[in-house]
Amino acid sequence: MTFSLLTEIRIGREKVWESTSTMLRRGEGDDETALDPAVQGKVQSGGGGNGLGILAANAPASAEWRLGGDLGRRYASVSGDRNPIHMHSLTAKPLGFPAAIAHGMWTKARCLAALESRLPDAFTVDVAFRRPILLPGRVEFGSSTRGQRIDFFVRDAKKHTPHLEGSVK
């Protein structure tokens, strides 16, 4: 579920600043869109229209990343995305998360940084965000190449729960 907060700052009657922040809130969701547990962690080629084709639950990892509890605040300082779900567990909990979560765009960018030496001059990136990464956390990164396509994933280092799956073409 998402909801938006509109913030305005006024000096006297004059509006001098306005911001709309769209927040993500975990919830029960829609049963019709729930992923079948038998295929959780799998993205089949053409499935969902994204063309991703990696099985993050069983593929070998090539790196482990330890993510500090302050990652959300550090990324927010450079990105400007100060959504409370990323800043601290105290601000994430009222929005349905047990702890702060990593920014999805940080996760995507970190994956591309790990692939940097293999990236072509021009490319398209597709990602699917599977589960939020709780902070602090420990995740694994892996990738495989099929022709000119690079598939990659981030998963929980202990439970192998998929967090992100993607491809570069």
N, C-alpha and C. Protein backbone atom coordinates (compact mmCIF):
# COMPACT_ATOMS: atom_id res chain seq x y z
N MET A 1 0.85 -1.17 0.00
CA MET A 1 0.00 0.00 0.00
C MET A 1 0.90 1.23 0.00
N THR A 2 0.45 2.27 -0.63
CA THR A 2 1.18 3.52 -0.59
C THR A 2 0.25 4.62 -0.10
N PHE A 3 0.86 5.65 0.45
CA PHE A 3 0.13 6.85 0.80
C PHE A 3 1.08 8.02 0.65
N SER A 4 0.54 9.20 0.50
CA SER A 4 1.37 10.37 0.28
C SER A 4 1.16 11.38 1.39
N LEU A 5 2.25 12.05 1.76
CA LEU A 5 2.22 13.14 2.73
C LEU A 5 2.56 14.42 1.99
N LEU A 6 1.71 15.41 2.12
CA LEU A 6 1.95 16.72 1.55
C LEU A 6 2.42 17.63 2.67
N THR A 7 3.60 18.22 2.48
CA THR A 7 4.16 19.12 3.47
C THR A 7 4.31 20.50 2.84
N GLU A 8 3.87 21.51 3.55
CA GLU A 8 4.01 22.88 3.09
C GLU A 8 4.66 23.71 4.19
N ILE A 9 5.54 24.62 3.79
CA ILE A 9 6.11 25.58 4.72
C ILE A 9 5.69 26.96 4.23
N ARG A 10 5.16 27.73 5.16
CA ARG A 10 4.69 29.08 4.83
C ARG A 10 5.36 30.10 5.74
N ILE A 11 5.65 31.22 5.16
CA ILE A 11 6.08 32.39 5.93
C ILE A 11 4.94 33.39 5.78
N GLY A 12 4.25 33.58 6.88
CA GLY A 12 3.03 34.37 6.80
C GLY A 12 2.02 33.59 5.98
N ARG A 13 1.49 34.20 4.95
CA ARG A 13 0.53 33.53 4.05
C ARG A 13 1.20 32.98 2.79
N GLU A 14 2.48 33.28 2.63
CA GLU A 14 3.18 32.86 1.42
C GLU A 14 3.78 31.47 1.57
N LYS A 15 3.43 30.57 0.64
CA LYS A 15 4.01 29.23 0.63
C LYS A 15 5.41 29.33 0.04
N VAL A 16 6.44 28.92 0.83
CA VAL A 16 7.82 29.03 0.36
C VAL A 16 8.43 27.66 0.04
N TRP A 17 7.76 26.59 0.42
CA TRP A 17 8.27 25.25 0.13
C TRP A 17 7.12 24.27 0.18
N GLU A 18 7.18 23.28 -0.73
CA GLU A 18 6.16 22.23 -0.76
C GLU A 18 6.83 20.93 -1.16
N SER A 19 6.40 19.84 -0.54
CA SER A 19 6.96 18.54 -0.85
C SER A 19 5.87 17.48 -0.73
N THR A 20 5.86 16.55 -1.66
CA THR A 20 4.99 15.40 -1.56
C THR A 20 5.87 14.17 -1.45
N SER A 21 5.70 13.40 -0.38
CA SER A 21 6.47 12.17 -0.17
C SER A 21 5.51 11.00 -0.22
N THR A 22 5.77 10.08 -1.13
CA THR A 22 4.94 8.89 -1.24
C THR A 22 5.62 7.77 -0.45
N MET A 23 4.88 7.20 0.48
CA MET A 23 5.41 6.19 1.39
C MET A 23 4.85 4.81 1.05
N LEU A 24 5.64 3.83 1.39
CA LEU A 24 5.24 2.44 1.24
C LEU A 24 4.87 1.91 2.61
N ARG A 25 3.73 1.22 2.68
CA ARG A 25 3.33 0.60 3.94
C ARG A 25 3.04 -0.85 3.70
N ARG A 26 3.69 -1.69 4.50
CA ARG A 26 3.44 -3.13 4.38
C ARG A 26 2.06 -3.44 4.93
N GLY A 27 1.44 -4.43 4.35
CA GLY A 27 0.13 -4.83 4.82
C GLY A 27 -0.20 -6.20 4.28
N GLU A 28 -1.43 -6.58 4.47
CA GLU A 28 -1.87 -7.89 4.02
C GLU A 28 -1.83 -7.99 2.51
N GLY A 29 -2.09 -6.88 1.83
CA GLY A 29 -2.03 -6.91 0.37
C GLY A 29 -3.27 -7.54 -0.23
N ASP A 30 -3.20 -7.75 -1.52
CA ASP A 30 -4.30 -8.29 -2.31
C ASP A 30 -4.01 -9.76 -2.57
N ASP A 31 -4.87 -10.66 -2.09
CA ASP A 31 -4.65 -12.09 -2.27
C ASP A 31 -4.49 -12.49 -3.73
N GLU A 32 -5.15 -11.76 -4.64
CA GLU A 32 -5.07 -12.11 -6.05
C GLU A 32 -3.69 -11.86 -6.63
N THR A 33 -2.89 -10.97 -6.01
CA THR A 33 -1.57 -10.67 -6.55
C THR A 33 -0.46 -11.32 -5.75
N ALA A 34 -0.80 -12.11 -4.73
CA ALA A 34 0.23 -12.76 -3.91
C ALA A 34 0.98 -13.78 -4.75
N LEU A 35 2.28 -13.88 -4.52
CA LEU A 35 3.12 -14.82 -5.24
C LEU A 35 2.97 -16.20 -4.63
N ASP A 36 2.72 -17.20 -5.46
CA ASP A 36 2.60 -18.59 -5.02
C ASP A 36 3.91 -19.01 -4.33
N PRO A 37 3.86 -19.54 -3.10
CA PRO A 37 5.08 -19.93 -2.39
C PRO A 37 5.94 -20.91 -3.18
N ALA A 38 5.34 -21.70 -4.06
CA ALA A 38 6.11 -22.67 -4.84
C ALA A 38 7.03 -21.99 -5.85
N VAL A 39 6.71 -20.76 -6.23
CA VAL A 39 7.55 -20.06 -7.20
C VAL A 39 8.23 -18.84 -6.61
N GLN A 40 8.10 -18.62 -5.30
CA GLN A 40 8.75 -17.49 -4.66
C GLN A 40 10.25 -17.59 -4.88
N GLY A 41 10.88 -16.48 -5.21
CA GLY A 41 12.31 -16.47 -5.46
C GLY A 41 12.68 -16.79 -6.89
N LYS A 42 11.71 -17.20 -7.70
CA LYS A 42 11.98 -17.52 -9.09
C LYS A 42 11.39 -16.41 -9.96
N VAL A 43 12.09 -16.06 -10.97
CA VAL A 43 11.54 -15.15 -11.97
C VAL A 43 11.76 -15.86 -13.29
N GLN A 44 10.69 -16.22 -13.93
CA GLN A 44 10.82 -16.98 -15.16
C GLN A 44 10.84 -16.03 -16.34
N SER A 45 11.59 -16.37 -17.34
CA SER A 45 11.70 -15.52 -18.51
C SER A 45 10.32 -15.21 -19.06
N GLY A 46 10.05 -13.94 -19.19
CA GLY A 46 8.75 -13.51 -19.67
C GLY A 46 7.73 -13.37 -18.56
N GLY A 47 8.00 -13.91 -17.37
CA GLY A 47 7.05 -13.83 -16.27
C GLY A 47 6.87 -12.40 -15.81
N GLY A 48 5.65 -11.97 -15.65
CA GLY A 48 5.37 -10.63 -15.20
C GLY A 48 5.76 -9.57 -16.21
N GLY A 49 6.14 -9.98 -17.41
CA GLY A 49 6.47 -9.02 -18.45
C GLY A 49 7.85 -8.40 -18.31
N ASN A 50 8.65 -8.83 -17.33
CA ASN A 50 9.94 -8.19 -17.15
C ASN A 50 11.09 -8.95 -17.79
N GLY A 51 10.89 -10.18 -18.19
CA GLY A 51 11.92 -10.93 -18.89
C GLY A 51 13.09 -11.37 -18.03
N LEU A 52 13.01 -11.21 -16.72
CA LEU A 52 14.10 -11.65 -15.86
C LEU A 52 14.09 -13.16 -15.80
N GLY A 53 15.28 -13.76 -15.64
CA GLY A 53 15.32 -15.21 -15.66
C GLY A 53 16.31 -15.84 -14.70
N ILE A 54 16.43 -15.33 -13.50
CA ILE A 54 17.41 -15.89 -12.57
C ILE A 54 16.70 -16.50 -11.36
N LEU A 55 17.25 -17.56 -10.84
CA LEU A 55 16.70 -18.21 -9.65
C LEU A 55 17.60 -17.84 -8.48
N ALA A 56 17.26 -16.76 -7.78
CA ALA A 56 18.12 -16.25 -6.71
C ALA A 56 18.24 -17.21 -5.55
N ALA A 57 17.28 -18.08 -5.36
CA ALA A 57 17.32 -18.97 -4.20
C ALA A 57 18.44 -20.00 -4.30
N ASN A 58 18.86 -20.38 -5.51
CA ASN A 58 19.84 -21.45 -5.65
C ASN A 58 21.12 -21.07 -6.38
N ALA A 59 21.18 -19.92 -7.00
CA ALA A 59 22.37 -19.51 -7.77
C ALA A 59 23.53 -19.23 -6.82
N PRO A 60 24.76 -19.46 -7.26
CA PRO A 60 25.91 -19.18 -6.39
C PRO A 60 26.13 -17.67 -6.22
N ALA A 61 26.49 -17.27 -5.02
CA ALA A 61 26.79 -15.86 -4.75
C ALA A 61 28.28 -15.61 -4.98
N SER A 62 28.60 -14.38 -5.37
CA SER A 62 30.00 -14.01 -5.58
C SER A 62 30.51 -13.01 -4.56
N ALA A 63 29.60 -12.44 -3.77
CA ALA A 63 30.01 -11.45 -2.77
C ALA A 63 28.99 -11.42 -1.63
N GLU A 64 29.47 -11.00 -0.48
CA GLU A 64 28.59 -10.77 0.67
C GLU A 64 28.76 -9.32 1.10
N TRP A 65 27.65 -8.63 1.31
CA TRP A 65 27.69 -7.24 1.72
C TRP A 65 27.09 -7.12 3.12
N ARG A 66 27.80 -6.48 4.02
CA ARG A 66 27.30 -6.18 5.36
C ARG A 66 26.80 -4.74 5.34
N LEU A 67 25.53 -4.57 5.64
CA LEU A 67 24.90 -3.26 5.54
C LEU A 67 24.64 -2.72 6.94
N GLY A 68 25.20 -1.57 7.23
CA GLY A 68 25.07 -0.97 8.56
C GLY A 68 23.68 -0.40 8.80
N GLY A 69 23.36 -0.22 10.05
CA GLY A 69 22.06 0.34 10.42
C GLY A 69 21.88 1.77 9.97
N ASP A 70 22.98 2.46 9.65
CA ASP A 70 22.90 3.86 9.21
C ASP A 70 22.89 4.00 7.70
N LEU A 71 22.84 2.89 6.96
CA LEU A 71 22.89 2.96 5.49
C LEU A 71 21.78 3.84 4.93
N GLY A 72 20.57 3.71 5.45
CA GLY A 72 19.45 4.52 4.95
C GLY A 72 19.69 6.01 5.14
N ARG A 73 20.23 6.39 6.29
CA ARG A 73 20.51 7.81 6.56
C ARG A 73 21.65 8.31 5.68
N ARG A 74 22.68 7.48 5.48
CA ARG A 74 23.80 7.89 4.64
C ARG A 74 23.37 8.07 3.19
N TYR A 75 22.55 7.12 2.68
CA TYR A 75 22.07 7.24 1.30
C TYR A 75 21.12 8.43 1.17
N ALA A 76 20.29 8.65 2.18
CA ALA A 76 19.37 9.79 2.15
C ALA A 76 20.12 11.10 2.07
N SER A 77 21.29 11.18 2.69
CA SER A 77 22.05 12.43 2.68
C SER A 77 22.55 12.79 1.28
N VAL A 78 22.75 11.80 0.42
CA VAL A 78 23.19 12.10 -0.95
C VAL A 78 22.04 12.04 -1.96
N SER A 79 21.01 11.26 -1.67
CA SER A 79 19.91 11.12 -2.63
C SER A 79 18.77 12.09 -2.38
N GLY A 80 18.65 12.56 -1.14
CA GLY A 80 17.51 13.42 -0.79
C GLY A 80 16.26 12.64 -0.43
N ASP A 81 16.29 11.30 -0.55
CA ASP A 81 15.13 10.46 -0.24
C ASP A 81 15.14 10.16 1.25
N ARG A 82 14.40 10.96 2.01
CA ARG A 82 14.36 10.81 3.46
C ARG A 82 13.05 10.18 3.93
N ASN A 83 12.58 9.22 3.18
CA ASN A 83 11.39 8.48 3.56
C ASN A 83 11.66 7.83 4.92
N PRO A 84 10.74 7.96 5.87
CA PRO A 84 10.97 7.43 7.22
C PRO A 84 11.24 5.93 7.28
N ILE A 85 10.81 5.17 6.28
CA ILE A 85 11.06 3.72 6.31
C ILE A 85 12.54 3.40 6.15
N HIS A 86 13.33 4.37 5.67
CA HIS A 86 14.76 4.16 5.45
C HIS A 86 15.63 4.75 6.55
N MET A 87 15.07 5.61 7.38
CA MET A 87 15.88 6.43 8.27
C MET A 87 16.24 5.76 9.60
N HIS A 88 15.29 5.11 10.22
CA HIS A 88 15.54 4.55 11.56
C HIS A 88 14.42 3.57 11.88
N SER A 89 14.70 2.60 12.71
CA SER A 89 13.66 1.63 13.07
C SER A 89 12.48 2.31 13.76
N LEU A 90 12.74 3.37 14.52
CA LEU A 90 11.65 4.07 15.21
C LEU A 90 10.67 4.73 14.24
N THR A 91 11.16 5.16 13.08
CA THR A 91 10.26 5.76 12.10
C THR A 91 9.72 4.74 11.11
N ALA A 92 10.39 3.60 10.99
CA ALA A 92 9.92 2.55 10.08
C ALA A 92 8.80 1.71 10.70
N LYS A 93 8.86 1.50 12.01
CA LYS A 93 7.89 0.64 12.69
C LYS A 93 6.44 1.12 12.55
N PRO A 94 6.15 2.41 12.73
CA PRO A 94 4.76 2.84 12.56
C PRO A 94 4.23 2.64 11.14
N LEU A 95 5.16 2.46 10.19
CA LEU A 95 4.77 2.26 8.80
C LEU A 95 4.78 0.78 8.41
N GLY A 96 4.88 -0.11 9.41
CA GLY A 96 4.72 -1.54 9.17
C GLY A 96 5.99 -2.34 9.00
N PHE A 97 7.16 -1.74 9.18
CA PHE A 97 8.41 -2.47 9.04
C PHE A 97 9.03 -2.70 10.42
N PRO A 98 9.64 -3.86 10.64
CA PRO A 98 10.25 -4.13 11.95
C PRO A 98 11.53 -3.34 12.18
N ALA A 99 12.13 -2.81 11.11
CA ALA A 99 13.36 -2.03 11.18
C ALA A 99 13.42 -1.14 9.95
N ALA A 100 14.38 -0.24 9.91
CA ALA A 100 14.60 0.55 8.71
C ALA A 100 14.97 -0.39 7.57
N ILE A 101 14.65 0.01 6.34
CA ILE A 101 14.98 -0.81 5.18
C ILE A 101 15.88 -0.04 4.23
N ALA A 102 16.68 -0.78 3.49
CA ALA A 102 17.57 -0.18 2.50
C ALA A 102 16.75 0.41 1.36
N HIS A 103 17.23 1.50 0.80
CA HIS A 103 16.59 2.09 -0.38
C HIS A 103 16.72 1.12 -1.55
N GLY A 104 15.66 0.96 -2.30
CA GLY A 104 15.72 0.11 -3.49
C GLY A 104 16.71 0.64 -4.51
N MET A 105 16.75 1.96 -4.68
CA MET A 105 17.67 2.54 -5.66
C MET A 105 19.13 2.38 -5.22
N TRP A 106 19.39 2.39 -3.90
CA TRP A 106 20.75 2.10 -3.43
C TRP A 106 21.11 0.67 -3.81
N THR A 107 20.20 -0.26 -3.58
CA THR A 107 20.46 -1.66 -3.88
C THR A 107 20.74 -1.85 -5.36
N LYS A 108 19.92 -1.25 -6.19
CA LYS A 108 20.13 -1.34 -7.64
C LYS A 108 21.49 -0.76 -8.02
N ALA A 109 21.81 0.43 -7.52
CA ALA A 109 23.08 1.07 -7.84
C ALA A 109 24.27 0.25 -7.34
N ARG A 110 24.13 -0.36 -6.17
CA ARG A 110 25.22 -1.18 -5.62
C ARG A 110 25.47 -2.38 -6.51
N CYS A 111 24.40 -2.97 -7.03
CA CYS A 111 24.55 -4.09 -7.96
C CYS A 111 25.28 -3.65 -9.23
N LEU A 112 24.90 -2.52 -9.78
CA LEU A 112 25.55 -2.03 -10.99
C LEU A 112 27.02 -1.69 -10.73
N ALA A 113 27.32 -1.18 -9.54
CA ALA A 113 28.72 -0.92 -9.20
C ALA A 113 29.51 -2.23 -9.16
N ALA A 114 28.90 -3.29 -8.66
CA ALA A 114 29.57 -4.59 -8.61
C ALA A 114 29.81 -5.15 -10.02
N LEU A 115 28.97 -4.76 -10.96
CA LEU A 115 29.08 -5.24 -12.34
C LEU A 115 29.85 -4.28 -13.24
N GLU A 116 30.31 -3.17 -12.70
CA GLU A 116 30.86 -2.07 -13.50
C GLU A 116 31.86 -2.51 -14.56
N SER A 117 32.77 -3.38 -14.23
CA SER A 117 33.80 -3.78 -15.19
C SER A 117 33.24 -4.61 -16.34
N ARG A 118 32.02 -5.12 -16.19
CA ARG A 118 31.41 -5.96 -17.23
C ARG A 118 30.33 -5.25 -18.02
N LEU A 119 30.03 -4.02 -17.66
CA LEU A 119 28.93 -3.30 -18.32
C LEU A 119 29.36 -2.74 -19.68
N PRO A 120 28.48 -2.86 -20.68
CA PRO A 120 28.77 -2.26 -21.98
C PRO A 120 28.64 -0.73 -21.91
N ASP A 121 29.03 -0.04 -22.96
CA ASP A 121 28.95 1.42 -22.99
C ASP A 121 27.51 1.92 -22.84
N ALA A 122 26.57 1.21 -23.44
CA ALA A 122 25.15 1.56 -23.33
C ALA A 122 24.39 0.29 -22.96
N PHE A 123 23.43 0.43 -22.05
CA PHE A 123 22.69 -0.74 -21.61
C PHE A 123 21.35 -0.33 -20.99
N THR A 124 20.50 -1.33 -20.83
CA THR A 124 19.22 -1.18 -20.15
C THR A 124 19.23 -2.10 -18.95
N VAL A 125 18.71 -1.61 -17.83
CA VAL A 125 18.65 -2.40 -16.61
C VAL A 125 17.19 -2.61 -16.24
N ASP A 126 16.83 -3.84 -15.96
CA ASP A 126 15.51 -4.18 -15.44
C ASP A 126 15.71 -4.80 -14.07
N VAL A 127 14.94 -4.36 -13.09
CA VAL A 127 15.01 -4.98 -11.76
C VAL A 127 13.61 -5.26 -11.25
N ALA A 128 13.53 -6.25 -10.40
CA ALA A 128 12.31 -6.58 -9.67
C ALA A 128 12.67 -6.60 -8.20
N PHE A 129 11.99 -5.79 -7.41
CA PHE A 129 12.22 -5.76 -5.97
C PHE A 129 11.31 -6.81 -5.34
N ARG A 130 11.91 -7.77 -4.65
CA ARG A 130 11.16 -8.90 -4.10
C ARG A 130 10.77 -8.71 -2.64
N ARG A 131 11.74 -8.42 -1.78
CA ARG A 131 11.51 -8.24 -0.35
C ARG A 131 12.40 -7.10 0.12
N PRO A 132 11.95 -6.33 1.11
CA PRO A 132 12.80 -5.27 1.64
C PRO A 132 14.01 -5.84 2.38
N ILE A 133 15.11 -5.10 2.36
CA ILE A 133 16.31 -5.47 3.10
C ILE A 133 16.28 -4.73 4.43
N LEU A 134 16.16 -5.47 5.52
CA LEU A 134 16.15 -4.87 6.85
C LEU A 134 17.56 -4.46 7.25
N LEU A 135 17.66 -3.30 7.89
CA LEU A 135 18.96 -2.78 8.33
C LEU A 135 19.08 -2.86 9.84
N PRO A 136 20.25 -3.19 10.37
CA PRO A 136 21.42 -3.66 9.63
C PRO A 136 21.14 -5.03 9.03
N GLY A 137 21.92 -5.42 8.04
CA GLY A 137 21.68 -6.69 7.38
C GLY A 137 22.92 -7.23 6.72
N ARG A 138 22.77 -8.46 6.27
CA ARG A 138 23.85 -9.14 5.55
C ARG A 138 23.20 -9.80 4.35
N VAL A 139 23.66 -9.43 3.16
CA VAL A 139 23.09 -9.95 1.93
C VAL A 139 24.18 -10.50 1.04
N GLU A 140 23.76 -11.32 0.08
CA GLU A 140 24.67 -11.87 -0.92
C GLU A 140 24.31 -11.31 -2.28
N PHE A 141 25.32 -11.14 -3.10
CA PHE A 141 25.16 -10.69 -4.49
C PHE A 141 25.70 -11.78 -5.40
N GLY A 142 25.03 -11.99 -6.51
CA GLY A 142 25.52 -12.94 -7.50
C GLY A 142 25.08 -12.51 -8.88
N SER A 143 25.78 -13.01 -9.88
CA SER A 143 25.43 -12.68 -11.26
C SER A 143 25.85 -13.82 -12.17
N SER A 144 25.25 -13.84 -13.34
CA SER A 144 25.63 -14.80 -14.37
C SER A 144 25.44 -14.12 -15.72
N THR A 145 26.20 -14.57 -16.70
CA THR A 145 26.14 -13.99 -18.04
C THR A 145 25.60 -15.02 -19.01
N ARG A 146 24.64 -14.58 -19.82
CA ARG A 146 24.10 -15.42 -20.89
C ARG A 146 24.15 -14.60 -22.17
N GLY A 147 25.13 -14.86 -22.99
CA GLY A 147 25.30 -14.06 -24.20
C GLY A 147 25.65 -12.63 -23.82
N GLN A 148 24.85 -11.68 -24.26
CA GLN A 148 25.10 -10.27 -23.94
C GLN A 148 24.28 -9.81 -22.75
N ARG A 149 23.61 -10.72 -22.10
CA ARG A 149 22.75 -10.40 -20.96
C ARG A 149 23.43 -10.80 -19.66
N ILE A 150 23.36 -9.93 -18.67
CA ILE A 150 23.88 -10.24 -17.33
C ILE A 150 22.69 -10.27 -16.38
N ASP A 151 22.46 -11.40 -15.75
CA ASP A 151 21.44 -11.51 -14.72
C ASP A 151 22.12 -11.34 -13.37
N PHE A 152 21.44 -10.73 -12.40
CA PHE A 152 22.04 -10.54 -11.08
C PHE A 152 20.96 -10.58 -10.01
N PHE A 153 21.39 -10.77 -8.77
CA PHE A 153 20.45 -10.86 -7.66
C PHE A 153 21.09 -10.40 -6.37
N VAL A 154 20.25 -10.04 -5.42
CA VAL A 154 20.63 -9.80 -4.03
C VAL A 154 19.67 -10.62 -3.19
N ARG A 155 20.20 -11.39 -2.26
CA ARG A 155 19.37 -12.21 -1.40
C ARG A 155 19.92 -12.17 0.03
N ASP A 156 19.08 -12.55 0.97
CA ASP A 156 19.49 -12.64 2.37
C ASP A 156 20.61 -13.67 2.49
N ALA A 157 21.67 -13.31 3.22
CA ALA A 157 22.84 -14.19 3.32
C ALA A 157 22.55 -15.46 4.12
N LYS A 158 21.59 -15.41 5.01
CA LYS A 158 21.31 -16.58 5.85
C LYS A 158 20.16 -17.42 5.30
N LYS A 159 19.04 -16.76 5.02
CA LYS A 159 17.84 -17.49 4.60
C LYS A 159 17.70 -17.62 3.08
N HIS A 160 18.51 -16.89 2.33
CA HIS A 160 18.47 -16.87 0.87
C HIS A 160 17.17 -16.29 0.32
N THR A 161 16.47 -15.52 1.14
CA THR A 161 15.26 -14.84 0.68
C THR A 161 15.64 -13.81 -0.37
N PRO A 162 15.01 -13.83 -1.54
CA PRO A 162 15.37 -12.86 -2.58
C PRO A 162 14.92 -11.45 -2.23
N HIS A 163 15.82 -10.49 -2.44
CA HIS A 163 15.50 -9.07 -2.24
C HIS A 163 15.36 -8.35 -3.58
N LEU A 164 16.24 -8.64 -4.51
CA LEU A 164 16.22 -7.98 -5.81
C LEU A 164 16.74 -8.95 -6.85
N GLU A 165 16.12 -8.93 -8.01
CA GLU A 165 16.58 -9.71 -9.16
C GLU A 165 16.57 -8.78 -10.36
N GLY A 166 17.58 -8.88 -11.20
CA GLY A 166 17.65 -7.95 -12.32
C GLY A 166 18.44 -8.49 -13.48
N SER A 167 18.44 -7.70 -14.55
CA SER A 167 19.22 -8.04 -15.73
C SER A 167 19.69 -6.78 -16.41
N VAL A 168 20.82 -6.91 -17.07
CA VAL A 168 21.41 -5.84 -17.87
C VAL A 168 21.46 -6.37 -19.30
N LYS A 169 20.96 -5.56 -20.23
CA LYS A 169 20.99 -5.95 -21.66
C LYS A 169 21.62 -4.84 -22.45
